[in-house]
């Protein structure tokens, strides 16, 4: 099967093998893939990736496996750990920082992603310039947040998490030309690389605030206080 833009729909062609059968792999039937993109993939996109995973796990528990959240960088530091200040900020939110390694953005990452969220408008342009029908599923993080806030959640389907999420992405894409940013800077998350931890905390707060309504809209479940 394929998605509406012609990409192969992962995990939907054949059912997984029965539990205990040879080659059985416990993979969800349908997985929505979210890709966060910044420059080096050691500061902003790792924070966004791990904060989003954390928010999904808080709301969905084990069912959060239906949404796979990853990240990469347009000039990614391949194999590098995330910046120490970024890891420290994530730990303050209770997010898991283990097992992270930086990646350079590749065509296959864009092809596989159902939703691409970038730190800046330049990153968004770079992703879209790679082709792969990425334009309708690539937004800056803050742009997507602004669009999601304008979508009536009652118009989204009550089916699976992935069905709801894909519907949300389509609705956001349809709104993009009608709901513009108040200023160009409003859609940017600035790079904290080389800055003190206080600036990393400010960027972490910015990313967390932008992600919270997104994760709520994707899952239909508000954050618990």
Protein backbone atom coordinates (compact mmCIF):
# COMPACT_ATOMS: atom_id res chain seq x y z
CA UNK A 1 0.00 0.00 0.00
CA UNK A 2 1.04 3.64 -0.47
CA UNK A 3 0.37 6.95 1.23
CA UNK A 4 -1.65 9.66 -0.60
CA UNK A 5 1.62 11.21 -1.87
CA UNK A 6 2.79 7.93 -3.39
CA UNK A 7 5.31 6.85 -0.76
CA UNK A 8 5.28 3.26 0.43
CA UNK A 9 3.30 2.86 3.63
CA UNK A 10 5.55 1.14 6.13
CA UNK A 11 4.26 -1.86 7.99
CA UNK A 12 1.00 -2.16 6.07
CA UNK A 13 1.77 -4.58 3.24
CA UNK A 14 1.86 -7.80 5.24
CA UNK A 15 0.78 -8.65 8.78
CA UNK A 16 3.54 -9.53 11.25
CA UNK A 17 4.27 -13.17 11.91
CA UNK A 18 2.28 -14.76 14.70
CA UNK A 19 3.93 -14.57 18.13
CA UNK A 20 6.42 -17.38 18.48
CA UNK A 21 6.55 -18.06 14.73
CA UNK A 22 9.94 -18.12 13.00
CA UNK A 23 11.03 -14.59 12.18
CA UNK A 24 8.30 -13.00 14.30
CA UNK A 25 9.00 -9.31 14.94
CA UNK A 26 6.82 -7.34 17.40
CA UNK A 27 6.36 -4.31 15.11
CA UNK A 28 3.14 -2.23 15.11
CA UNK A 29 1.03 -2.72 11.99
CA UNK A 30 1.09 0.99 11.15
CA UNK A 31 3.75 3.43 12.37
CA UNK A 32 3.77 7.17 11.87
CA UNK A 33 7.30 8.54 11.54
CA UNK A 34 8.20 12.03 12.76
CA UNK A 35 11.57 13.55 11.86
CA UNK A 36 13.05 16.58 13.64
CA UNK A 37 15.71 18.49 11.71
CA UNK A 38 18.27 21.11 12.71
CA UNK A 39 21.85 21.78 11.59
CA UNK A 40 24.26 19.60 13.56
CA UNK A 41 21.79 17.16 15.16
CA UNK A 42 23.44 17.65 18.53
CA UNK A 43 21.34 20.42 20.14
CA UNK A 44 17.88 21.44 18.93
CA UNK A 45 16.65 18.37 17.05
CA UNK A 46 17.83 15.90 19.74
CA UNK A 47 15.99 17.96 22.36
CA UNK A 48 12.87 18.02 20.19
CA UNK A 49 13.13 14.29 19.47
CA UNK A 50 13.50 13.26 23.10
CA UNK A 51 10.95 15.74 24.48
CA UNK A 52 8.41 14.53 21.93
CA UNK A 53 9.09 10.89 22.78
CA UNK A 54 8.69 11.77 26.46
CA UNK A 55 5.36 13.54 25.85
CA UNK A 56 4.04 10.64 23.79
CA UNK A 57 5.04 8.09 26.42
CA UNK A 58 3.36 10.12 29.16
CA UNK A 59 0.10 10.18 27.23
CA UNK A 60 0.09 6.79 25.48
CA UNK A 61 2.35 4.50 27.51
CA UNK A 62 3.33 1.47 25.45
CA UNK A 63 1.05 2.58 22.62
CA UNK A 64 3.51 5.42 21.94
CA UNK A 65 5.39 2.90 19.76
CA UNK A 66 2.84 3.75 17.05
CA UNK A 67 4.68 7.06 16.55
CA UNK A 68 8.39 6.76 15.82
CA UNK A 69 10.28 9.99 16.55
CA UNK A 70 13.77 10.51 15.12
CA UNK A 71 16.08 13.38 14.17
CA UNK A 72 18.87 14.35 11.79
CA UNK A 73 20.93 17.38 10.81
CA UNK A 74 21.45 19.14 7.49
CA UNK A 75 25.13 19.24 8.46
CA UNK A 76 24.75 16.43 10.95
CA UNK A 77 27.64 15.37 13.16
CA UNK A 78 27.42 11.69 12.21
CA UNK A 79 27.87 9.44 15.24
CA UNK A 80 28.35 12.32 17.69
CA UNK A 81 26.68 12.46 21.10
CA UNK A 82 24.26 15.27 21.81
CA UNK A 83 25.73 18.35 23.45
CA UNK A 84 26.16 17.95 27.21
CA UNK A 85 23.99 21.01 27.96
CA UNK A 86 21.22 19.60 25.75
CA UNK A 87 21.36 16.30 27.63
CA UNK A 88 21.28 18.14 30.98
CA UNK A 89 18.18 20.11 29.97
CA UNK A 90 16.42 16.94 28.80
CA UNK A 91 17.20 15.27 32.12
CA UNK A 92 15.53 18.19 33.91
CA UNK A 93 12.33 17.35 32.00
CA UNK A 94 12.67 13.66 32.87
CA UNK A 95 13.30 12.70 29.24
CA UNK A 96 15.50 9.75 28.30
CA UNK A 97 18.86 10.84 26.86
CA UNK A 98 20.40 7.39 26.42
CA UNK A 99 21.50 5.86 23.14
CA UNK A 100 21.56 9.04 21.07
CA UNK A 101 23.98 9.44 18.15
CA UNK A 102 23.96 12.26 15.61
CA UNK A 103 22.93 11.66 12.01
CA UNK A 104 23.35 13.54 8.77
CA UNK A 105 20.07 14.12 6.95
CA UNK A 106 19.71 11.67 4.06
CA UNK A 107 17.14 11.24 1.32
CA UNK A 108 15.88 8.05 2.95
CA UNK A 109 15.02 9.95 6.15
CA UNK A 110 12.84 12.39 4.22
CA UNK A 111 11.25 9.63 2.15
CA UNK A 112 10.32 7.64 5.24
CA UNK A 113 8.97 10.56 7.30
CA UNK A 114 5.24 11.25 7.54
CA UNK A 115 5.92 14.56 9.29
CA UNK A 116 9.12 16.63 9.23
CA UNK A 117 9.52 19.38 11.85
CA UNK A 118 12.46 21.72 11.43
CA UNK A 119 14.11 24.24 13.73
CA UNK A 120 14.13 27.07 11.17
CA UNK A 121 12.70 28.14 7.83
CA UNK A 122 16.10 27.51 6.20
CA UNK A 123 16.03 23.90 7.40
CA UNK A 124 12.49 23.57 6.05
CA UNK A 125 13.62 24.87 2.66
CA UNK A 126 16.54 22.45 2.60
CA UNK A 127 14.29 19.49 3.33
CA UNK A 128 11.76 20.50 0.68
CA UNK A 129 14.55 21.05 -1.87
CA UNK A 130 15.47 17.37 -1.51
CA UNK A 131 12.22 16.49 -3.27
CA UNK A 132 10.29 13.33 -2.38
CA UNK A 133 6.98 15.23 -2.22
CA UNK A 134 8.13 16.63 1.13
CA UNK A 135 6.43 20.02 0.86
CA UNK A 136 3.05 19.01 2.26
CA UNK A 137 4.54 17.26 5.30
CA UNK A 138 7.41 19.58 6.21
CA UNK A 139 6.95 22.51 8.61
CA UNK A 140 9.02 24.42 11.09
CA UNK A 141 8.14 23.23 14.58
CA UNK A 142 6.63 26.56 15.58
CA UNK A 143 4.73 26.82 12.29
CA UNK A 144 3.17 23.42 12.86
CA UNK A 145 2.24 24.40 16.41
CA UNK A 146 0.49 27.54 15.16
CA UNK A 147 -1.45 25.58 12.55
CA UNK A 148 -2.37 22.78 14.96
CA UNK A 149 -3.82 25.28 17.43
CA UNK A 150 -6.25 26.42 14.72
CA UNK A 151 -7.54 22.92 13.95
CA UNK A 152 -10.76 21.83 15.63
CA UNK A 153 -9.87 18.50 17.29
CA UNK A 154 -13.45 17.27 16.83
CA UNK A 155 -12.80 17.18 13.06
CA UNK A 156 -10.05 14.57 13.50
CA UNK A 157 -10.92 10.86 13.25
CA UNK A 158 -11.48 8.77 16.38
CA UNK A 159 -9.62 5.76 14.94
CA UNK A 160 -6.01 4.81 15.55
CA UNK A 161 -3.35 7.24 16.71
CA UNK A 162 -1.66 7.05 13.32
CA UNK A 163 -4.92 7.71 11.46
CA UNK A 164 -5.55 10.76 13.64
CA UNK A 165 -1.96 11.98 13.21
CA UNK A 166 -2.00 11.71 9.42
CA UNK A 167 -5.29 13.57 9.31
CA UNK A 168 -3.75 16.31 11.46
CA UNK A 169 -0.79 16.69 9.09
CA UNK A 170 -3.13 17.01 6.10
CA UNK A 171 -5.27 19.60 7.89
CA UNK A 172 -2.19 21.63 8.85
CA UNK A 173 -0.92 21.60 5.28
CA UNK A 174 -4.30 22.87 4.05
CA UNK A 175 -4.19 25.79 6.51
CA UNK A 176 -0.63 26.89 5.81
CA UNK A 177 -1.42 29.58 3.24
CA UNK A 178 -4.17 31.06 5.40
CA UNK A 179 -2.50 31.33 8.80
CA UNK A 180 0.79 33.18 8.45
CA UNK A 181 3.38 33.89 11.12
CA UNK A 182 3.17 37.36 12.73
CA UNK A 183 6.88 37.81 11.88
CA UNK A 184 9.56 35.71 10.17
CA UNK A 185 11.34 35.17 13.49
CA UNK A 186 8.19 33.68 15.01
CA UNK A 187 8.84 30.38 13.22
CA UNK A 188 12.49 30.08 14.29
CA UNK A 189 14.18 28.14 17.10
CA UNK A 190 17.66 29.64 17.34
CA UNK A 191 20.81 27.56 17.70
CA UNK A 192 22.20 27.32 21.25
CA UNK A 193 25.43 25.60 20.14
CA UNK A 194 28.35 26.91 22.20
CA UNK A 195 26.08 28.91 24.53
CA UNK A 196 25.86 28.52 28.33
CA UNK A 197 23.36 26.12 29.83
CA UNK A 198 21.01 28.98 30.70
CA UNK A 199 20.48 29.58 26.97
CA UNK A 200 19.99 25.85 26.39
CA UNK A 201 17.29 25.94 29.08
CA UNK A 202 15.59 28.82 27.29
CA UNK A 203 15.65 26.90 24.00
CA UNK A 204 14.44 23.76 25.78
CA UNK A 205 11.48 25.69 27.20
CA UNK A 206 10.75 27.07 23.72
CA UNK A 207 10.79 23.59 22.17
CA UNK A 208 8.75 22.06 24.99
CA UNK A 209 6.10 24.80 24.75
CA UNK A 210 5.84 24.28 20.99
CA UNK A 211 5.66 20.50 21.26
CA UNK A 212 3.03 20.24 24.00
CA UNK A 213 0.02 21.26 21.86
CA UNK A 214 1.38 19.18 18.97
CA UNK A 215 1.60 16.01 21.03
CA UNK A 216 -1.83 16.69 22.50
CA UNK A 217 -3.30 17.11 19.02
CA UNK A 218 -1.55 14.01 17.68
CA UNK A 219 -2.83 11.82 20.50
CA UNK A 220 -6.05 13.54 21.54
CA UNK A 221 -4.80 13.41 25.14
CA UNK A 222 -3.75 16.56 27.04
CA UNK A 223 -0.63 16.57 29.20
CA UNK A 224 -1.04 15.71 32.86
CA UNK A 225 0.16 18.30 35.32
